[in-house]
């Protein structure tokens, strides 16, 4: 290991200090990229959250629609049974069978009306999901050049930092040794 004395050592110490200053400047520049990346990430996260929200709402409405369809099918069967019972009963039981039929028919109409409303919501939610997915794609496309630029800067700074650290290490070897 090569060592230096006196003025040469002072010069080596100053060189080491300059290397440290250069390293700090590079680290500061690298840290300055973080807020920009955070801003890009936040915009993408918001778009992704909208997609997830739309998917969740669509899934919940699809489950609701399936439940309503099952309920309507149950009422349809009940209505058919009540209608068949009306045809097979005597006069005394006809009034009760007619009431059962009317109740089942009314319940079926209400279930079908709810299904129609749910179907309309499904159409709207599918449209909202498509719009949210398109917005996410748009955000990603808009951010691609900025992300590529930030990554290129990060890579360049990483290379410069490795060089600066190597230079500092060389300067430090010149300072090491007896005073």
Foldseek 3Di string as FASTA:
>chain_A
DAEDDDPVLVVLVVLLVVLVVVLVVLVVVLVVLVVVVVVLVVVLVVLVVQLVVLVVVLVVLVVVLVVLVVQLVVLVVQLVVLVVVCVVDDPVCNVVSVVSNVVSVVSNVVSVVVNVVSVVVNVVSVVSNVVSVVVSVVSCVVCVVVVVVSVVSNVVSVVVSVVSVVSSVVSVVHNDDDD
